[in-house]
Structures are given as structure tokens and as C-alpha cells.
């Protein structure tokens, strides 16, 4: 049995500190700009897909904000947080607005 999983941020998220930042991935290499964790980008993405059910859904409205650019954000099982540690409220919509 297969489950469809949204691939957004899977290859940009650190499985150690949960930082999502576009610059964490450079081709086949993943190196977290927050904690320095390194891995093969595809293996890192696969790990994140496997554990995605532990995290709150981000929905289209949140993804459209493009917070993965610049300093990024933290996507943790307990919620979503700015680079400064402030909690972000995630809209409860999965469709384009």
C-alpha cells in the first residue's frame, strides 16, 4: 500500500534540527546551515518522507509564503517556528487561494 506525500521541503529539511532552508541542499549534497548535519540529499529527502506524518500539514497558503528562502524556518513535530523561535500559525487550507 502506498500513501501520497507532499514533497514540498522534504529535500530542504534537516532531520536533526528541523531547519527548512533552500540553501541546505546543493545538488546531491545536503548540509544544514543551522547545525551542520550532512547527508546525501536524496537519502535525506527519503528519510523526511518516511517521517512526514509526525509533522503538522503546511498547506498551500503557508508554502506560498516561501519562507524556505533566506534564513528559513523550523518545521518540528510540535509546530512551525521562525528562525528566531517565534511560532508561526499555519493556515488550515490545502488549496490555492
PDB file of N, CA and C in Angstrom:
ATOM      1  N   UNK A   1       0.844  -1.184   0.000  1.00  0.00           N
ATOM      2  CA  UNK A   1       0.000   0.000   0.000  1.00  0.00           C
ATOM      3  C   UNK A   1       0.885   1.242   0.000  1.00  0.00           C
ATOM      4  N   UNK A   2       0.499   2.229  -0.776  1.00  0.00           N
ATOM      5  CA  UNK A   2       1.252   3.454  -0.885  1.00  0.00           C
ATOM      6  C   UNK A   2       0.415   4.620  -0.382  1.00  0.00           C
ATOM      7  N   UNK A   3       1.096   5.610   0.149  1.00  0.00           N
ATOM      8  CA  UNK A   3       0.453   6.833   0.594  1.00  0.00           C
ATOM      9  C   UNK A   3       1.107   7.993  -0.138  1.00  0.00           C
ATOM     10  N   UNK A   4       0.307   8.858  -0.720  1.00  0.00           N
ATOM     11  CA  UNK A   4       0.849  10.022  -1.404  1.00  0.00           C
ATOM     12  C   UNK A   4       1.248  11.059  -0.362  1.00  0.00           C
ATOM     13  N   UNK A   5       2.466  11.577  -0.496  1.00  0.00           N
ATOM     14  CA  UNK A   5       3.005  12.547   0.442  1.00  0.00           C
ATOM     15  C   UNK A   5       3.456  13.773  -0.333  1.00  0.00           C
ATOM     16  N   UNK A   6       3.126  14.942   0.141  1.00  0.00           N
ATOM     17  CA  UNK A   6       3.572  16.181  -0.481  1.00  0.00           C
ATOM     18  C   UNK A   6       5.093  16.259  -0.374  1.00  0.00           C
ATOM     19  N   UNK A   7       5.761  16.534  -1.468  1.00  0.00           N
ATOM     20  CA  UNK A   7       7.226  16.552  -1.467  1.00  0.00           C
ATOM     21  C   UNK A   7       7.822  17.906  -1.080  1.00  0.00           C
ATOM     22  N   UNK A   8       6.984  18.894  -0.844  1.00  0.00           N
ATOM     23  CA  UNK A   8       7.479  20.222  -0.506  1.00  0.00           C
ATOM     24  C   UNK A   8       8.380  20.173   0.722  1.00  0.00           C
ATOM     25  N   UNK A   9       9.563  20.690   0.590  1.00  0.00           N
ATOM     26  CA  UNK A   9      10.573  20.842   1.648  1.00  0.00           C
ATOM     27  C   UNK A   9      11.251  19.548   2.090  1.00  0.00           C
ATOM     28  N   UNK A  10      10.873  18.384   1.561  1.00  0.00           N
ATOM     29  CA  UNK A  10      11.491  17.136   2.021  1.00  0.00           C
ATOM     30  C   UNK A  10      12.998  17.120   1.814  1.00  0.00           C
ATOM     31  N   UNK A  11      13.471  17.729   0.750  1.00  0.00           N
ATOM     32  CA  UNK A  11      14.900  17.707   0.455  1.00  0.00           C
ATOM     33  C   UNK A  11      15.624  18.920   1.028  1.00  0.00           C
ATOM     34  N   UNK A  12      14.898  19.801   1.688  1.00  0.00           N
ATOM     35  CA  UNK A  12      15.492  21.009   2.272  1.00  0.00           C
ATOM     36  C   UNK A  12      15.492  20.979   3.798  1.00  0.00           C
ATOM     37  N   UNK A  13      14.794  20.020   4.399  1.00  0.00           N
ATOM     38  CA  UNK A  13      14.644  19.990   5.854  1.00  0.00           C
ATOM     39  C   UNK A  13      15.715  19.126   6.515  1.00  0.00           C
ATOM     40  N   UNK A  14      16.291  19.646   7.568  1.00  0.00           N
ATOM     41  CA  UNK A  14      17.278  18.906   8.349  1.00  0.00           C
ATOM     42  C   UNK A  14      16.556  17.969   9.322  1.00  0.00           C
ATOM     43  N   UNK A  15      16.907  16.675   9.339  1.00  0.00           N
ATOM     44  CA  UNK A  15      16.255  15.759  10.267  1.00  0.00           C
ATOM     45  C   UNK A  15      16.786  15.862  11.697  1.00  0.00           C
ATOM     46  N   UNK A  16      17.847  16.634  11.893  1.00  0.00           N
ATOM     47  CA  UNK A  16      18.430  16.808  13.221  1.00  0.00           C
ATOM     48  C   UNK A  16      17.858  18.026  13.949  1.00  0.00           C
ATOM     49  N   UNK A  17      17.903  19.200  13.302  1.00  0.00           N
ATOM     50  CA  UNK A  17      17.434  20.427  13.973  1.00  0.00           C
ATOM     51  C   UNK A  17      16.125  20.954  13.379  1.00  0.00           C
ATOM     52  N   UNK A  18      15.644  20.339  12.278  1.00  0.00           N
ATOM     53  CA  UNK A  18      14.372  20.657  11.618  1.00  0.00           C
ATOM     54  C   UNK A  18      14.364  21.961  10.833  1.00  0.00           C
ATOM     55  N   UNK A  19      15.528  22.552  10.592  1.00  0.00           N
ATOM     56  CA  UNK A  19      15.591  23.773   9.792  1.00  0.00           C
ATOM     57  C   UNK A  19      15.254  23.469   8.337  1.00  0.00           C
ATOM     58  N   UNK A  20      14.319  24.235   7.787  1.00  0.00           N
ATOM     59  CA  UNK A  20      13.986  24.150   6.365  1.00  0.00           C
ATOM     60  C   UNK A  20      14.566  25.388   5.710  1.00  0.00           C
ATOM     61  N   UNK A  21      15.491  25.149   4.788  1.00  0.00           N
ATOM     62  CA  UNK A  21      16.155  26.259   4.111  1.00  0.00           C
ATOM     63  C   UNK A  21      16.597  25.773   2.740  1.00  0.00           C
ATOM     64  N   UNK A  22      16.216  26.490   1.717  1.00  0.00           N
ATOM     65  CA  UNK A  22      16.524  26.059   0.353  1.00  0.00           C
ATOM     66  C   UNK A  22      18.017  25.817   0.166  1.00  0.00           C
ATOM     67  N   UNK A  23      18.844  26.654   0.748  1.00  0.00           N
ATOM     68  CA  UNK A  23      20.290  26.521   0.562  1.00  0.00           C
ATOM     69  C   UNK A  23      20.893  25.338   1.321  1.00  0.00           C
ATOM     70  N   UNK A  24      20.090  24.603   2.109  1.00  0.00           N
ATOM     71  CA  UNK A  24      20.590  23.388   2.752  1.00  0.00           C
ATOM     72  C   UNK A  24      20.951  22.338   1.704  1.00  0.00           C
ATOM     73  N   UNK A  25      20.257  22.363   0.569  1.00  0.00           N
ATOM     74  CA  UNK A  25      20.520  21.389  -0.492  1.00  0.00           C
ATOM     75  C   UNK A  25      21.283  22.053  -1.627  1.00  0.00           C
ATOM     76  N   UNK A  26      22.353  21.383  -2.037  1.00  0.00           N
ATOM     77  CA  UNK A  26      23.144  21.839  -3.168  1.00  0.00           C
ATOM     78  C   UNK A  26      23.406  20.621  -4.046  1.00  0.00           C
ATOM     79  N   UNK A  27      22.562  20.430  -5.058  1.00  0.00           N
ATOM     80  CA  UNK A  27      22.692  19.260  -5.924  1.00  0.00           C
ATOM     81  C   UNK A  27      22.441  17.975  -5.147  1.00  0.00           C
ATOM     82  N   UNK A  28      23.402  17.088  -5.139  1.00  0.00           N
ATOM     83  CA  UNK A  28      23.261  15.800  -4.448  1.00  0.00           C
ATOM     84  C   UNK A  28      23.683  15.879  -2.985  1.00  0.00           C
ATOM     85  N   UNK A  29      24.122  17.042  -2.543  1.00  0.00           N
ATOM     86  CA  UNK A  29      24.595  17.198  -1.168  1.00  0.00           C
ATOM     87  C   UNK A  29      23.573  17.942  -0.314  1.00  0.00           C
ATOM     88  N   UNK A  30      23.432  17.484   0.915  1.00  0.00           N
ATOM     89  CA  UNK A  30      22.627  18.189   1.902  1.00  0.00           C
ATOM     90  C   UNK A  30      23.560  18.571   3.037  1.00  0.00           C
ATOM     91  N   UNK A  31      23.601  19.862   3.347  1.00  0.00           N
ATOM     92  CA  UNK A  31      24.369  20.337   4.506  1.00  0.00           C
ATOM     93  C   UNK A  31      23.556  21.422   5.183  1.00  0.00           C
ATOM     94  N   UNK A  32      23.129  21.141   6.399  1.00  0.00           N
ATOM     95  CA  UNK A  32      22.283  22.070   7.145  1.00  0.00           C
ATOM     96  C   UNK A  32      23.054  23.328   7.518  1.00  0.00           C
ATOM     97  N   UNK A  33      22.469  24.466   7.199  1.00  0.00           N
ATOM     98  CA  UNK A  33      23.067  25.754   7.543  1.00  0.00           C
ATOM     99  C   UNK A  33      22.883  26.089   9.026  1.00  0.00           C
ATOM    100  N   UNK A  34      22.018  25.315   9.700  1.00  0.00           N
ATOM    101  CA  UNK A  34      21.786  25.560  11.118  1.00  0.00           C
ATOM    102  C   UNK A  34      22.707  24.786  12.032  1.00  0.00           C
ATOM    103  N   UNK A  35      22.792  23.464  11.803  1.00  0.00           N
ATOM    104  CA  UNK A  35      23.569  22.621  12.729  1.00  0.00           C
ATOM    105  C   UNK A  35      24.752  21.917  12.079  1.00  0.00           C
ATOM    106  N   UNK A  36      24.870  22.002  10.740  1.00  0.00           N
ATOM    107  CA  UNK A  36      25.996  21.391  10.055  1.00  0.00           C
ATOM    108  C   UNK A  36      25.813  19.933   9.660  1.00  0.00           C
ATOM    109  N   UNK A  37      24.643  19.343   9.942  1.00  0.00           N
ATOM    110  CA  UNK A  37      24.369  17.954   9.565  1.00  0.00           C
ATOM    111  C   UNK A  37      24.580  17.788   8.064  1.00  0.00           C
ATOM    112  N   UNK A  38      25.228  16.683   7.654  1.00  0.00           N
ATOM    113  CA  UNK A  38      25.482  16.409   6.247  1.00  0.00           C
ATOM    114  C   UNK A  38      24.965  15.030   5.866  1.00  0.00           C
ATOM    115  N   UNK A  39      24.436  14.925   4.640  1.00  0.00           N
ATOM    116  CA  UNK A  39      23.932  13.646   4.134  1.00  0.00           C
ATOM    117  C   UNK A  39      23.767  13.747   2.621  1.00  0.00           C
ATOM    118  N   UNK A  40      23.555  12.616   1.978  1.00  0.00           N
ATOM    119  CA  UNK A  40      23.155  12.598   0.580  1.00  0.00           C
ATOM    120  C   UNK A  40      21.758  13.229   0.509  1.00  0.00           C
ATOM    121  N   UNK A  41      21.555  14.137  -0.420  1.00  0.00           N
ATOM    122  CA  UNK A  41      20.282  14.867  -0.496  1.00  0.00           C
ATOM    123  C   UNK A  41      19.095  13.943  -0.712  1.00  0.00           C
ATOM    124  N   UNK A  42      19.254  12.919  -1.550  1.00  0.00           N
ATOM    125  CA  UNK A  42      18.145  12.000  -1.804  1.00  0.00           C
ATOM    126  C   UNK A  42      17.830  11.141  -0.588  1.00  0.00           C
ATOM    127  N   UNK A  43      18.858  10.687   0.116  1.00  0.00           N
ATOM    128  CA  UNK A  43      18.625   9.905   1.334  1.00  0.00           C
ATOM    129  C   UNK A  43      17.963  10.761   2.404  1.00  0.00           C
ATOM    130  N   UNK A  44      18.390  12.003   2.494  1.00  0.00           N
ATOM    131  CA  UNK A  44      17.777  12.924   3.459  1.00  0.00           C
ATOM    132  C   UNK A  44      16.309  13.141   3.137  1.00  0.00           C
ATOM    133  N   UNK A  45      16.001  13.358   1.862  1.00  0.00           N
ATOM    134  CA  UNK A  45      14.613  13.551   1.446  1.00  0.00           C
ATOM    135  C   UNK A  45      13.760  12.328   1.726  1.00  0.00           C
ATOM    136  N   UNK A  46      14.301  11.139   1.461  1.00  0.00           N
ATOM    137  CA  UNK A  46      13.563   9.897   1.712  1.00  0.00           C
ATOM    138  C   UNK A  46      13.285   9.721   3.202  1.00  0.00           C
ATOM    139  N   UNK A  47      14.254  10.055   4.033  1.00  0.00           N
ATOM    140  CA  UNK A  47      14.056   9.977   5.487  1.00  0.00           C
ATOM    141  C   UNK A  47      12.917  10.904   5.899  1.00  0.00           C
ATOM    142  N   UNK A  48      12.922  12.119   5.373  1.00  0.00           N
ATOM    143  CA  UNK A  48      11.873  13.075   5.734  1.00  0.00           C
ATOM    144  C   UNK A  48      10.500  12.622   5.261  1.00  0.00           C
ATOM    145  N   UNK A  49      10.419  12.022   4.076  1.00  0.00           N
ATOM    146  CA  UNK A  49       9.145  11.495   3.586  1.00  0.00           C
ATOM    147  C   UNK A  49       8.634  10.420   4.550  1.00  0.00           C
ATOM    148  N   UNK A  50       9.534   9.551   4.984  1.00  0.00           N
ATOM    149  CA  UNK A  50       9.161   8.461   5.893  1.00  0.00           C
ATOM    150  C   UNK A  50       8.589   8.977   7.212  1.00  0.00           C
ATOM    151  N   UNK A  51       9.055  10.133   7.665  1.00  0.00           N
ATOM    152  CA  UNK A  51       8.630  10.678   8.961  1.00  0.00           C
ATOM    153  C   UNK A  51       7.645  11.840   8.853  1.00  0.00           C
ATOM    154  N   UNK A  52       7.182  12.141   7.640  1.00  0.00           N
ATOM    155  CA  UNK A  52       6.325  13.317   7.430  1.00  0.00           C
ATOM    156  C   UNK A  52       5.037  13.287   8.248  1.00  0.00           C
ATOM    157  N   UNK A  53       4.486  12.118   8.527  1.00  0.00           N
ATOM    158  CA  UNK A  53       3.222  12.049   9.277  1.00  0.00           C
ATOM    159  C   UNK A  53       3.354  12.593  10.696  1.00  0.00           C
ATOM    160  N   UNK A  54       4.567  12.770  11.182  1.00  0.00           N
ATOM    161  CA  UNK A  54       4.797  13.298  12.531  1.00  0.00           C
ATOM    162  C   UNK A  54       4.683  14.817  12.598  1.00  0.00           C
ATOM    163  N   UNK A  55       4.620  15.464  11.422  1.00  0.00           N
ATOM    164  CA  UNK A  55       4.664  16.921  11.357  1.00  0.00           C
ATOM    165  C   UNK A  55       3.317  17.514  10.967  1.00  0.00           C
ATOM    166  N   UNK A  56       3.025  18.742  11.434  1.00  0.00           N
ATOM    167  CA  UNK A  56       1.770  19.381  11.031  1.00  0.00           C
ATOM    168  C   UNK A  56       1.783  19.683   9.531  1.00  0.00           C
ATOM    169  N   UNK A  57       0.620  19.564   8.903  1.00  0.00           N
ATOM    170  CA  UNK A  57       0.486  19.867   7.475  1.00  0.00           C
ATOM    171  C   UNK A  57       0.662  21.367   7.268  1.00  0.00           C
ATOM    172  N   UNK A  58       1.407  21.735   6.235  1.00  0.00           N
ATOM    173  CA  UNK A  58       1.651  23.153   5.987  1.00  0.00           C
ATOM    174  C   UNK A  58       0.645  23.791   5.051  1.00  0.00           C
ATOM    175  N   UNK A  59       0.044  23.042   4.173  1.00  0.00           N
ATOM    176  CA  UNK A  59      -0.966  23.601   3.283  1.00  0.00           C
ATOM    177  C   UNK A  59      -0.396  24.593   2.288  1.00  0.00           C
ATOM    178  N   UNK A  60      -1.163  24.860   1.248  1.00  0.00           N
ATOM    179  CA  UNK A  60      -0.721  25.731   0.167  1.00  0.00           C
ATOM    180  C   UNK A  60      -0.493  27.170   0.638  1.00  0.00           C
ATOM    181  N   UNK A  61      -1.365  27.681   1.466  1.00  0.00           N
ATOM    182  CA  UNK A  61      -1.249  29.067   1.933  1.00  0.00           C
ATOM    183  C   UNK A  61       0.075  29.330   2.615  1.00  0.00           C
ATOM    184  N   UNK A  62       0.545  28.374   3.382  1.00  0.00           N
ATOM    185  CA  UNK A  62       1.830  28.529   4.066  1.00  0.00           C
ATOM    186  C   UNK A  62       2.983  28.399   3.072  1.00  0.00           C
ATOM    187  N   UNK A  63       2.923  27.377   2.231  1.00  0.00           N
ATOM    188  CA  UNK A  63       4.006  27.150   1.266  1.00  0.00           C
ATOM    189  C   UNK A  63       4.164  28.341   0.326  1.00  0.00           C
ATOM    190  N   UNK A  64       3.062  29.002   0.018  1.00  0.00           N
ATOM    191  CA  UNK A  64       3.081  30.148  -0.885  1.00  0.00           C
ATOM    192  C   UNK A  64       3.872  31.325  -0.302  1.00  0.00           C
ATOM    193  N   UNK A  65       4.097  31.341   1.000  1.00  0.00           N
ATOM    194  CA  UNK A  65       4.855  32.423   1.638  1.00  0.00           C
ATOM    195  C   UNK A  65       6.356  32.315   1.366  1.00  0.00           C
ATOM    196  N   UNK A  66       6.810  31.136   0.910  1.00  0.00           N
ATOM    197  CA  UNK A  66       8.208  30.903   0.528  1.00  0.00           C
ATOM    198  C   UNK A  66       9.185  31.220   1.649  1.00  0.00           C
ATOM    199  N   UNK A  67       8.860  30.799   2.833  1.00  0.00           N
ATOM    200  CA  UNK A  67       9.715  31.066   3.991  1.00  0.00           C
ATOM    201  C   UNK A  67      10.992  30.228   4.000  1.00  0.00           C
ATOM    202  N   UNK A  68      11.107  29.290   3.068  1.00  0.00           N
ATOM    203  CA  UNK A  68      12.314  28.485   2.974  1.00  0.00           C
ATOM    204  C   UNK A  68      13.469  29.266   2.350  1.00  0.00           C
ATOM    205  N   UNK A  69      13.159  30.414   1.777  1.00  0.00           N
ATOM    206  CA  UNK A  69      14.202  31.267   1.223  1.00  0.00           C
ATOM    207  C   UNK A  69      14.785  32.120   2.339  1.00  0.00           C
ATOM    208  N   UNK A  70      15.974  32.611   2.181  1.00  0.00           N
ATOM    209  CA  UNK A  70      16.604  33.414   3.230  1.00  0.00           C
ATOM    210  C   UNK A  70      17.030  32.536   4.394  1.00  0.00           C
ATOM    211  N   UNK A  71      16.679  32.954   5.606  1.00  0.00           N
ATOM    212  CA  UNK A  71      17.102  32.212   6.806  1.00  0.00           C
ATOM    213  C   UNK A  71      16.342  30.916   7.018  1.00  0.00           C
ATOM    214  N   UNK A  72      15.169  30.790   6.418  1.00  0.00           N
ATOM    215  CA  UNK A  72      14.385  29.574   6.560  1.00  0.00           C
ATOM    216  C   UNK A  72      13.483  29.593   7.782  1.00  0.00           C
ATOM    217  N   UNK A  73      12.994  28.405   8.138  1.00  0.00           N
ATOM    218  CA  UNK A  73      12.121  28.245   9.302  1.00  0.00           C
ATOM    219  C   UNK A  73      12.300  26.836   9.849  1.00  0.00           C
ATOM    220  N   UNK A  74      11.809  26.622  11.060  1.00  0.00           N
ATOM    221  CA  UNK A  74      11.890  25.310  11.697  1.00  0.00           C
ATOM    222  C   UNK A  74      10.527  24.635  11.628  1.00  0.00           C
ATOM    223  N   UNK A  75      10.490  23.446  11.040  1.00  0.00           N
ATOM    224  CA  UNK A  75       9.261  22.652  10.917  1.00  0.00           C
ATOM    225  C   UNK A  75       9.435  21.439  11.809  1.00  0.00           C
ATOM    226  N   UNK A  76       8.867  21.524  12.993  1.00  0.00           N
ATOM    227  CA  UNK A  76       9.031  20.490  14.015  1.00  0.00           C
ATOM    228  C   UNK A  76       7.711  19.746  14.225  1.00  0.00           C
ATOM    229  N   UNK A  77       7.754  18.555  14.819  1.00  0.00           N
ATOM    230  CA  UNK A  77       6.509  17.866  15.142  1.00  0.00           C
ATOM    231  C   UNK A  77       5.591  18.715  16.030  1.00  0.00           C
ATOM    232  N   UNK A  78       6.170  19.609  16.827  1.00  0.00           N
ATOM    233  CA  UNK A  78       5.385  20.444  17.742  1.00  0.00           C
ATOM    234  C   UNK A  78       4.837  21.710  17.096  1.00  0.00           C
ATOM    235  N   UNK A  79       5.237  22.002  15.850  1.00  0.00           N
ATOM    236  CA  UNK A  79       4.743  23.202  15.180  1.00  0.00           C
ATOM    237  C   UNK A  79       5.764  23.791  14.231  1.00  0.00           C
ATOM    238  N   UNK A  80       5.483  24.994  13.777  1.00  0.00           N
ATOM    239  CA  UNK A  80       6.346  25.695  12.824  1.00  0.00           C
ATOM    240  C   UNK A  80       6.817  26.982  13.483  1.00  0.00           C
ATOM    241  N   UNK A  81       8.115  27.259  13.345  1.00  0.00           N
ATOM    242  CA  UNK A  81       8.716  28.378  14.057  1.00  0.00           C
ATOM    243  C   UNK A  81       9.627  29.188  13.141  1.00  0.00           C
ATOM    244  N   UNK A  82       9.723  30.485  13.404  1.00  0.00           N
ATOM    245  CA  UNK A  82      10.629  31.340  12.646  1.00  0.00           C
ATOM    246  C   UNK A  82      12.057  31.002  13.029  1.00  0.00           C
ATOM    247  N   UNK A  83      12.985  31.581  12.293  1.00  0.00           N
ATOM    248  CA  UNK A  83      14.402  31.403  12.585  1.00  0.00           C
ATOM    249  C   UNK A  83      14.729  31.924  13.984  1.00  0.00           C
ATOM    250  N   UNK A  84      13.936  32.895  14.464  1.00  0.00           N
ATOM    251  CA  UNK A  84      14.140  33.470  15.797  1.00  0.00           C
ATOM    252  C   UNK A  84      13.419  32.691  16.889  1.00  0.00           C
ATOM    253  N   UNK A  85      12.667  31.633  16.514  1.00  0.00           N
ATOM    254  CA  UNK A  85      11.984  30.800  17.501  1.00  0.00           C
ATOM    255  C   UNK A  85      10.540  31.164  17.783  1.00  0.00           C
ATOM    256  N   UNK A  86       9.990  32.141  17.060  1.00  0.00           N
ATOM    257  CA  UNK A  86       8.597  32.531  17.258  1.00  0.00           C
ATOM    258  C   UNK A  86       7.687  31.570  16.509  1.00  0.00           C
ATOM    259  N   UNK A  87       6.606  31.130  17.130  1.00  0.00           N
ATOM    260  CA  UNK A  87       5.697  30.179  16.490  1.00  0.00           C
ATOM    261  C   UNK A  87       4.915  30.845  15.366  1.00  0.00           C
ATOM    262  N   UNK A  88       4.792  30.133  14.258  1.00  0.00           N
ATOM    263  CA  UNK A  88       4.006  30.592  13.121  1.00  0.00           C
ATOM    264  C   UNK A  88       2.701  29.822  13.089  1.00  0.00           C
ATOM    265  N   UNK A  89       1.621  30.493  12.846  1.00  0.00           N
ATOM    266  CA  UNK A  89       0.325  29.836  12.708  1.00  0.00           C
ATOM    267  C   UNK A  89       0.174  29.382  11.260  1.00  0.00           C
ATOM    268  N   UNK A  90      -0.192  28.135  11.083  1.00  0.00           N
ATOM    269  CA  UNK A  90      -0.327  27.558   9.754  1.00  0.00           C
ATOM    270  C   UNK A  90      -1.784  27.606   9.324  1.00  0.00           C
ATOM    271  N   UNK A  91      -2.074  28.219   8.150  1.00  0.00           N
ATOM    272  CA  UNK A  91      -3.457  28.228   7.653  1.00  0.00           C
ATOM    273  C   UNK A  91      -3.941  26.808   7.427  1.00  0.00           C
ATOM    274  N   UNK A  92      -5.218  26.565   7.638  1.00  0.00           N
ATOM    275  CA  UNK A  92      -5.788  25.240   7.503  1.00  0.00           C
ATOM    276  C   UNK A  92      -6.414  25.014   6.140  1.00  0.00           C
ATOM    277  N   UNK A  93      -5.667  25.322   5.086  1.00  0.00           N
ATOM    278  CA  UNK A  93      -6.167  25.106   3.732  1.00  0.00           C
ATOM    279  C   UNK A  93      -5.115  24.398   2.898  1.00  0.00           C
ATOM    280  N   UNK A  94      -5.540  23.497   2.060  1.00  0.00           N
ATOM    281  CA  UNK A  94      -4.622  22.798   1.176  1.00  0.00           C
ATOM    282  C   UNK A  94      -4.839  23.148  -0.281  1.00  0.00           C
ATOM    283  N   UNK A  95      -5.651  24.174  -0.545  1.00  0.00           N
ATOM    284  CA  UNK A  95      -5.953  24.544  -1.919  1.00  0.00           C
ATOM    285  C   UNK A  95      -5.434  25.949  -2.197  1.00  0.00           C
ATOM    286  N   UNK A  96      -5.232  26.243  -3.463  1.00  0.00           N
ATOM    287  CA  UNK A  96      -4.793  27.576  -3.862  1.00  0.00           C
ATOM    288  C   UNK A  96      -5.868  28.577  -3.526  1.00  0.00           C
ATOM    289  N   UNK A  97      -5.465  29.723  -3.075  1.00  0.00           N
ATOM    290  CA  UNK A  97      -6.401  30.766  -2.663  1.00  0.00           C
ATOM    291  C   UNK A  97      -6.712  31.681  -3.816  1.00  0.00           C
TER     292      UNK A  97
END
